[in-house]
Amino acid sequence: MEERNPLSLKEYKVIANDAIAPGVFVLRYRRDFTFIPGQVVAVALHPAHQPRMYSIASGMQDEEVWLLYNIRPEGELTPPLSELIAGHSIFASAPSGSFYGKAAPAVWIAAGTGIAPFVSMWRSGIRRDKLLIHGGRFLHSFYFEDTFKGALRENYIRCCSNESGDGVFHGRLTTWLQQQPNLPTDRKYYLCGSAEMVVETRDILIEKQISYDNIVAEIYF
């Protein structure tokens, strides 16, 4: 696999760019580098453009890179990115970041597309003793839920703020956390979501006696 400066951008051909939910896509291109589950790549449509960071959602053994993203109508990248088809070009960096998945028992907390690094960890074989709490606005917001439902069962908590459904907690993931009388204090908590979600969740965890050193956060923008 190729090694290069993570800040430089290289051209890749899109293999697929599939809609998996309203306004949400998985873009795929050929992988020619090694990475650690939880890392990110910078993506742009032209090497002169300011790139945006996206967590890798594919596993270490997958031949393709998967990028999960949602269209931000006001954004400069995601609207045209969503229009790409197989054969079109993107420019992407080598992987970087230190939001690493580990084999030790852990609690994974994701909001929306913040599930991406946990999908990568899971597909890379990091599965044992994991509790996954996934927040979304709608029932279609639990991207890759079929990856986790059958295996994690009661250790996969879906929290939906705008809709109700069987087996789904009706409310925000922060509300679910606040309602828990006890949370395990002997493991790491990995948080991936918006800055607001990460800050609010971190405060709740600290109030519930989770050590600050046991909270690892990745903010998406």
Foldseek 3Di string as FASTA:
>chain_A
DDDDDQVAKDKWFWAAWDDQDVQKTKTKTFDDDADAQPWWKWKDLDRVDGTFIFHFQAERPDRMTIGIDGDDPVDPGSVVVNVDGGGRMMIMGDIDDDLGQDQDAEEEEEEQSLCRSVNHCVNHPNDPNYAYEYEYADPSRPPPVVVPCVPCPVSYAYEHDHDDDPRHHHHGSLVVLLPDPADDQPAAYEYEEAPVVLVSNLVSCVVRVHDPVRYHYDHHD
